[in-house]
Amino acid sequence: MIKKISHNVLVVLLTLVIVITVREIFFTPKNSLELYQKITFAKDFEEVQKLILDGYDGNVERDDFNYIKDRSANRVGQFTLIEYKEKSFVIMTSPGTERLKILAVEELPEDIREYFLKIGQ
């Protein structure tokens, strides 16, 4: 009886791990293009809120979501921002590709660097 119960618990736990892994792999955006598509095809703002990291909810406005959803983007870019004490660099990478490929690297001007330092605080 105990073996059967532990076997059932093991099956349930294994199924749960598989479901979580499949969800992460197939339903979580992995790049800017997938994120744009997720937002564009979302039914409502609540669906987009699931993509927001806990604690950062206040950084996303419903009006911004509606603007993105109601229009077609001219371009979807993907960028990495690397900040040091005295400089910041932006690296433009290829959106929607299996692996990131660098398209350009630029040092940010001081005013733009300051702008990005304030985002997310």
N, C-alpha and C. Protein backbone atom coordinates (compact mmCIF):
# COMPACT_ATOMS: atom_id res chain seq x y z
N MET A 1 0.83 -1.19 0.00
CA MET A 1 0.00 0.00 0.00
C MET A 1 0.87 1.26 0.00
N ILE A 2 1.92 1.26 0.84
CA ILE A 2 2.80 2.43 0.91
C ILE A 2 3.55 2.60 -0.41
N LYS A 3 3.96 1.50 -1.03
CA LYS A 3 4.65 1.59 -2.32
C LYS A 3 3.74 2.21 -3.37
N LYS A 4 2.46 1.83 -3.36
CA LYS A 4 1.51 2.36 -4.33
C LYS A 4 1.30 3.85 -4.11
N ILE A 5 1.19 4.29 -2.86
CA ILE A 5 1.01 5.71 -2.55
C ILE A 5 2.25 6.49 -2.97
N SER A 6 3.43 6.00 -2.62
CA SER A 6 4.65 6.71 -2.99
C SER A 6 4.83 6.73 -4.50
N HIS A 7 4.41 5.67 -5.17
CA HIS A 7 4.47 5.63 -6.63
C HIS A 7 3.54 6.70 -7.22
N ASN A 8 2.33 6.83 -6.67
CA ASN A 8 1.38 7.83 -7.14
C ASN A 8 1.90 9.25 -6.89
N VAL A 9 2.50 9.47 -5.73
CA VAL A 9 3.06 10.77 -5.42
C VAL A 9 4.19 11.09 -6.39
N LEU A 10 5.03 10.12 -6.68
CA LEU A 10 6.13 10.30 -7.63
C LEU A 10 5.60 10.65 -9.02
N VAL A 11 4.55 9.97 -9.45
CA VAL A 11 3.96 10.25 -10.76
C VAL A 11 3.39 11.66 -10.80
N VAL A 12 2.71 12.09 -9.74
CA VAL A 12 2.14 13.43 -9.68
C VAL A 12 3.25 14.48 -9.70
N LEU A 13 4.30 14.29 -8.92
CA LEU A 13 5.41 15.24 -8.89
C LEU A 13 6.12 15.31 -10.23
N LEU A 14 6.34 14.18 -10.84
CA LEU A 14 6.99 14.15 -12.15
C LEU A 14 6.13 14.86 -13.20
N THR A 15 4.84 14.64 -13.18
CA THR A 15 3.92 15.31 -14.10
C THR A 15 3.96 16.82 -13.88
N LEU A 16 3.98 17.25 -12.64
CA LEU A 16 4.04 18.67 -12.32
C LEU A 16 5.33 19.30 -12.86
N VAL A 17 6.44 18.64 -12.67
CA VAL A 17 7.73 19.14 -13.18
C VAL A 17 7.70 19.23 -14.71
N ILE A 18 7.14 18.25 -15.37
CA ILE A 18 7.06 18.26 -16.84
C ILE A 18 6.17 19.40 -17.32
N VAL A 19 5.03 19.61 -16.67
CA VAL A 19 4.11 20.68 -17.06
C VAL A 19 4.78 22.04 -16.90
N ILE A 20 5.46 22.26 -15.78
CA ILE A 20 6.14 23.53 -15.55
C ILE A 20 7.25 23.74 -16.58
N THR A 21 8.01 22.72 -16.88
CA THR A 21 9.09 22.81 -17.87
C THR A 21 8.54 23.11 -19.26
N VAL A 22 7.49 22.43 -19.67
CA VAL A 22 6.89 22.67 -20.98
C VAL A 22 6.36 24.08 -21.07
N ARG A 23 5.73 24.55 -20.01
CA ARG A 23 5.21 25.93 -19.99
C ARG A 23 6.34 26.93 -20.16
N GLU A 24 7.43 26.74 -19.44
CA GLU A 24 8.56 27.65 -19.54
C GLU A 24 9.19 27.63 -20.92
N ILE A 25 9.31 26.46 -21.50
CA ILE A 25 9.97 26.33 -22.80
C ILE A 25 9.10 26.87 -23.93
N PHE A 26 7.82 26.53 -23.93
CA PHE A 26 6.97 26.84 -25.07
C PHE A 26 6.10 28.09 -24.92
N PHE A 27 5.85 28.55 -23.71
CA PHE A 27 4.90 29.63 -23.54
C PHE A 27 5.48 30.91 -22.92
N THR A 28 6.76 30.91 -22.62
CA THR A 28 7.42 32.11 -22.11
C THR A 28 8.30 32.68 -23.21
N PRO A 29 8.14 33.97 -23.52
CA PRO A 29 8.95 34.57 -24.59
C PRO A 29 10.44 34.46 -24.29
N LYS A 30 11.22 34.14 -25.34
CA LYS A 30 12.66 33.99 -25.18
C LYS A 30 13.45 35.12 -25.81
N ASN A 31 12.76 35.99 -26.55
CA ASN A 31 13.45 37.11 -27.18
C ASN A 31 12.43 38.22 -27.44
N SER A 32 12.90 39.34 -27.96
CA SER A 32 12.04 40.51 -28.16
C SER A 32 10.90 40.25 -29.13
N LEU A 33 11.17 39.50 -30.17
CA LEU A 33 10.13 39.21 -31.16
C LEU A 33 9.01 38.38 -30.54
N GLU A 34 9.35 37.36 -29.78
CA GLU A 34 8.33 36.55 -29.12
C GLU A 34 7.55 37.37 -28.09
N LEU A 35 8.24 38.26 -27.39
CA LEU A 35 7.57 39.12 -26.42
C LEU A 35 6.57 40.04 -27.12
N TYR A 36 6.98 40.63 -28.22
CA TYR A 36 6.08 41.49 -29.00
C TYR A 36 4.85 40.70 -29.45
N GLN A 37 5.06 39.50 -29.93
CA GLN A 37 3.94 38.67 -30.38
C GLN A 37 3.01 38.32 -29.21
N LYS A 38 3.58 37.99 -28.05
CA LYS A 38 2.77 37.68 -26.88
C LYS A 38 1.88 38.85 -26.49
N ILE A 39 2.46 40.07 -26.50
CA ILE A 39 1.69 41.26 -26.16
C ILE A 39 0.63 41.53 -27.21
N THR A 40 1.00 41.46 -28.47
CA THR A 40 0.08 41.76 -29.57
C THR A 40 -1.12 40.82 -29.61
N PHE A 41 -0.91 39.55 -29.31
CA PHE A 41 -1.99 38.58 -29.40
C PHE A 41 -2.67 38.30 -28.06
N ALA A 42 -2.27 39.02 -27.01
CA ALA A 42 -2.90 38.83 -25.70
C ALA A 42 -4.36 39.28 -25.76
N LYS A 43 -5.21 38.58 -25.05
CA LYS A 43 -6.63 38.92 -25.01
C LYS A 43 -6.89 40.16 -24.18
N ASP A 44 -6.13 40.32 -23.10
CA ASP A 44 -6.33 41.46 -22.21
C ASP A 44 -5.05 41.77 -21.43
N PHE A 45 -5.11 42.86 -20.69
CA PHE A 45 -3.95 43.33 -19.93
C PHE A 45 -3.54 42.31 -18.86
N GLU A 46 -4.50 41.61 -18.30
CA GLU A 46 -4.21 40.62 -17.26
C GLU A 46 -3.30 39.51 -17.80
N GLU A 47 -3.47 39.15 -19.06
CA GLU A 47 -2.62 38.14 -19.68
C GLU A 47 -1.17 38.63 -19.79
N VAL A 48 -1.01 39.91 -20.10
CA VAL A 48 0.33 40.51 -20.20
C VAL A 48 0.96 40.61 -18.82
N GLN A 49 0.16 40.86 -17.79
CA GLN A 49 0.70 40.99 -16.44
C GLN A 49 1.40 39.72 -15.98
N LYS A 50 1.04 38.58 -16.53
CA LYS A 50 1.70 37.32 -16.18
C LYS A 50 3.16 37.31 -16.64
N LEU A 51 3.50 38.17 -17.59
CA LEU A 51 4.86 38.24 -18.11
C LEU A 51 5.75 39.18 -17.30
N ILE A 52 5.15 39.93 -16.38
CA ILE A 52 5.89 40.93 -15.60
C ILE A 52 6.50 40.28 -14.37
N LEU A 53 7.77 40.54 -14.15
CA LEU A 53 8.46 40.02 -12.98
C LEU A 53 7.84 40.61 -11.72
N ASP A 54 7.63 39.77 -10.70
CA ASP A 54 7.05 40.24 -9.43
C ASP A 54 7.83 41.44 -8.90
N GLY A 55 7.08 42.45 -8.47
CA GLY A 55 7.69 43.65 -7.93
C GLY A 55 7.87 44.75 -8.95
N TYR A 56 7.69 44.46 -10.23
CA TYR A 56 7.86 45.45 -11.29
C TYR A 56 6.54 45.83 -11.94
N ASP A 57 5.43 45.43 -11.33
CA ASP A 57 4.09 45.69 -11.88
C ASP A 57 3.85 47.17 -12.16
N GLY A 58 4.37 48.02 -11.31
CA GLY A 58 4.15 49.46 -11.45
C GLY A 58 4.86 50.07 -12.64
N ASN A 59 5.75 49.33 -13.28
CA ASN A 59 6.49 49.84 -14.43
C ASN A 59 5.77 49.62 -15.75
N VAL A 60 4.62 48.97 -15.71
CA VAL A 60 3.87 48.68 -16.94
C VAL A 60 2.47 49.26 -16.80
N GLU A 61 2.13 50.13 -17.73
CA GLU A 61 0.82 50.80 -17.70
C GLU A 61 -0.13 50.14 -18.70
N ARG A 62 -1.39 50.09 -18.34
CA ARG A 62 -2.42 49.55 -19.23
C ARG A 62 -2.45 50.32 -20.56
N ASP A 63 -2.29 51.64 -20.51
CA ASP A 63 -2.31 52.45 -21.73
C ASP A 63 -1.16 52.07 -22.67
N ASP A 64 0.01 51.79 -22.11
CA ASP A 64 1.14 51.35 -22.94
C ASP A 64 0.82 50.03 -23.63
N PHE A 65 0.25 49.10 -22.86
CA PHE A 65 -0.15 47.81 -23.43
C PHE A 65 -1.15 48.01 -24.57
N ASN A 66 -2.16 48.86 -24.35
CA ASN A 66 -3.16 49.10 -25.39
C ASN A 66 -2.55 49.72 -26.64
N TYR A 67 -1.62 50.64 -26.45
CA TYR A 67 -0.95 51.27 -27.60
C TYR A 67 -0.21 50.22 -28.43
N ILE A 68 0.55 49.37 -27.75
CA ILE A 68 1.31 48.32 -28.45
C ILE A 68 0.37 47.35 -29.14
N LYS A 69 -0.68 46.95 -28.44
CA LYS A 69 -1.62 45.96 -28.98
C LYS A 69 -2.41 46.48 -30.18
N ASP A 70 -2.75 47.77 -30.18
CA ASP A 70 -3.63 48.33 -31.21
C ASP A 70 -2.90 48.77 -32.47
N ARG A 71 -1.58 48.64 -32.52
CA ARG A 71 -0.82 49.11 -33.68
C ARG A 71 0.17 48.05 -34.13
N SER A 72 0.59 48.17 -35.37
CA SER A 72 1.65 47.29 -35.90
C SER A 72 2.99 48.00 -35.73
N ALA A 73 3.95 47.28 -35.22
CA ALA A 73 5.28 47.86 -35.02
C ALA A 73 6.00 48.00 -36.36
N ASN A 74 6.76 49.06 -36.50
CA ASN A 74 7.59 49.23 -37.69
C ASN A 74 8.79 48.29 -37.64
N ARG A 75 9.27 48.05 -36.40
CA ARG A 75 10.44 47.19 -36.22
C ARG A 75 10.46 46.72 -34.77
N VAL A 76 10.94 45.52 -34.56
CA VAL A 76 11.16 45.01 -33.21
C VAL A 76 12.66 44.81 -33.06
N GLY A 77 13.25 45.54 -32.13
CA GLY A 77 14.67 45.42 -31.87
C GLY A 77 14.92 44.70 -30.57
N GLN A 78 16.12 44.19 -30.44
CA GLN A 78 16.49 43.51 -29.19
C GLN A 78 17.84 44.06 -28.76
N PHE A 79 17.90 44.51 -27.50
CA PHE A 79 19.09 45.19 -27.01
C PHE A 79 19.50 44.65 -25.65
N THR A 80 20.79 44.68 -25.40
CA THR A 80 21.34 44.37 -24.09
C THR A 80 22.06 45.62 -23.61
N LEU A 81 21.79 46.02 -22.39
CA LEU A 81 22.42 47.20 -21.82
C LEU A 81 23.41 46.74 -20.76
N ILE A 82 24.67 47.13 -20.90
CA ILE A 82 25.70 46.77 -19.93
C ILE A 82 26.20 48.06 -19.30
N GLU A 83 26.07 48.13 -17.97
CA GLU A 83 26.44 49.35 -17.25
C GLU A 83 27.69 49.11 -16.41
N TYR A 84 28.60 50.05 -16.48
CA TYR A 84 29.78 50.09 -15.63
C TYR A 84 29.69 51.35 -14.80
N LYS A 85 30.63 51.57 -13.89
CA LYS A 85 30.59 52.78 -13.05
C LYS A 85 30.66 54.04 -13.89
N GLU A 86 31.48 54.03 -14.93
CA GLU A 86 31.71 55.25 -15.69
C GLU A 86 31.13 55.24 -17.11
N LYS A 87 30.72 54.09 -17.60
CA LYS A 87 30.20 54.00 -18.97
C LYS A 87 29.06 53.00 -19.05
N SER A 88 28.25 53.14 -20.09
CA SER A 88 27.23 52.15 -20.42
C SER A 88 27.32 51.85 -21.90
N PHE A 89 27.07 50.60 -22.24
CA PHE A 89 27.08 50.17 -23.63
C PHE A 89 25.75 49.52 -23.96
N VAL A 90 25.31 49.71 -25.18
CA VAL A 90 24.14 49.02 -25.67
C VAL A 90 24.61 48.10 -26.79
N ILE A 91 24.15 46.86 -26.71
CA ILE A 91 24.48 45.88 -27.74
C ILE A 91 23.18 45.50 -28.44
N MET A 92 23.12 45.76 -29.73
CA MET A 92 21.95 45.38 -30.52
C MET A 92 22.16 43.94 -30.98
N THR A 93 21.17 43.10 -30.69
CA THR A 93 21.26 41.69 -31.07
C THR A 93 20.11 41.31 -31.98
N SER A 94 20.21 40.16 -32.56
CA SER A 94 19.23 39.70 -33.53
C SER A 94 17.98 39.15 -32.83
N PRO A 95 16.81 39.77 -33.05
CA PRO A 95 15.59 39.26 -32.42
C PRO A 95 15.05 38.06 -33.19
N GLY A 96 14.51 37.11 -32.46
CA GLY A 96 13.85 35.98 -33.11
C GLY A 96 14.77 34.89 -33.61
N THR A 97 16.05 34.95 -33.29
CA THR A 97 16.97 33.89 -33.74
C THR A 97 17.19 32.89 -32.62
N GLU A 98 17.61 31.71 -32.98
CA GLU A 98 17.84 30.63 -32.00
C GLU A 98 18.88 31.05 -30.96
N ARG A 99 19.96 31.63 -31.42
CA ARG A 99 21.04 32.13 -30.55
C ARG A 99 21.25 33.60 -30.85
N LEU A 100 21.63 34.35 -29.84
CA LEU A 100 21.88 35.78 -30.04
C LEU A 100 23.08 35.99 -30.95
N LYS A 101 22.94 36.92 -31.85
CA LYS A 101 24.02 37.36 -32.72
C LYS A 101 24.13 38.88 -32.56
N ILE A 102 25.35 39.38 -32.40
CA ILE A 102 25.57 40.81 -32.22
C ILE A 102 25.46 41.52 -33.55
N LEU A 103 24.66 42.59 -33.58
CA LEU A 103 24.51 43.41 -34.78
C LEU A 103 25.28 44.72 -34.66
N ALA A 104 25.38 45.26 -33.43
CA ALA A 104 26.10 46.53 -33.22
C ALA A 104 26.38 46.72 -31.73
N VAL A 105 27.44 47.48 -31.42
CA VAL A 105 27.79 47.85 -30.05
C VAL A 105 28.08 49.34 -30.05
N GLU A 106 27.43 50.08 -29.12
CA GLU A 106 27.64 51.52 -29.03
C GLU A 106 27.75 51.93 -27.57
N GLU A 107 28.65 52.86 -27.28
CA GLU A 107 28.69 53.46 -25.96
C GLU A 107 27.58 54.51 -25.91
N LEU A 108 26.84 54.53 -24.81
CA LEU A 108 25.74 55.47 -24.68
C LEU A 108 26.25 56.86 -24.32
N PRO A 109 25.66 57.91 -24.91
CA PRO A 109 25.95 59.27 -24.46
C PRO A 109 25.46 59.43 -23.01
N GLU A 110 26.04 60.34 -22.28
CA GLU A 110 25.77 60.49 -20.84
C GLU A 110 24.28 60.72 -20.53
N ASP A 111 23.56 61.54 -21.32
CA ASP A 111 22.15 61.80 -21.03
C ASP A 111 21.29 60.55 -21.21
N ILE A 112 21.60 59.76 -22.21
CA ILE A 112 20.84 58.52 -22.43
C ILE A 112 21.21 57.49 -21.36
N ARG A 113 22.48 57.47 -20.99
CA ARG A 113 22.95 56.59 -19.91
C ARG A 113 22.17 56.88 -18.63
N GLU A 114 22.03 58.15 -18.28
CA GLU A 114 21.30 58.57 -17.09
C GLU A 114 19.83 58.14 -17.16
N TYR A 115 19.25 58.28 -18.35
CA TYR A 115 17.85 57.87 -18.55
C TYR A 115 17.68 56.38 -18.23
N PHE A 116 18.56 55.56 -18.75
CA PHE A 116 18.45 54.12 -18.52
C PHE A 116 18.77 53.73 -17.08
N LEU A 117 19.63 54.49 -16.43
CA LEU A 117 19.92 54.21 -15.02
C LEU A 117 18.70 54.42 -14.14
N LYS A 118 17.80 55.33 -14.56
CA LYS A 118 16.60 55.63 -13.76
C LYS A 118 15.46 54.64 -14.00
N ILE A 119 15.47 53.97 -15.14
CA ILE A 119 14.38 53.02 -15.45
C ILE A 119 14.44 51.84 -14.49
N GLY A 120 13.29 51.46 -14.00
CA GLY A 120 13.21 50.28 -13.15
C GLY A 120 13.53 50.53 -11.69
N GLN A 121 13.79 51.77 -11.33
CA GLN A 121 14.08 52.05 -9.92
C GLN A 121 12.81 52.34 -9.17
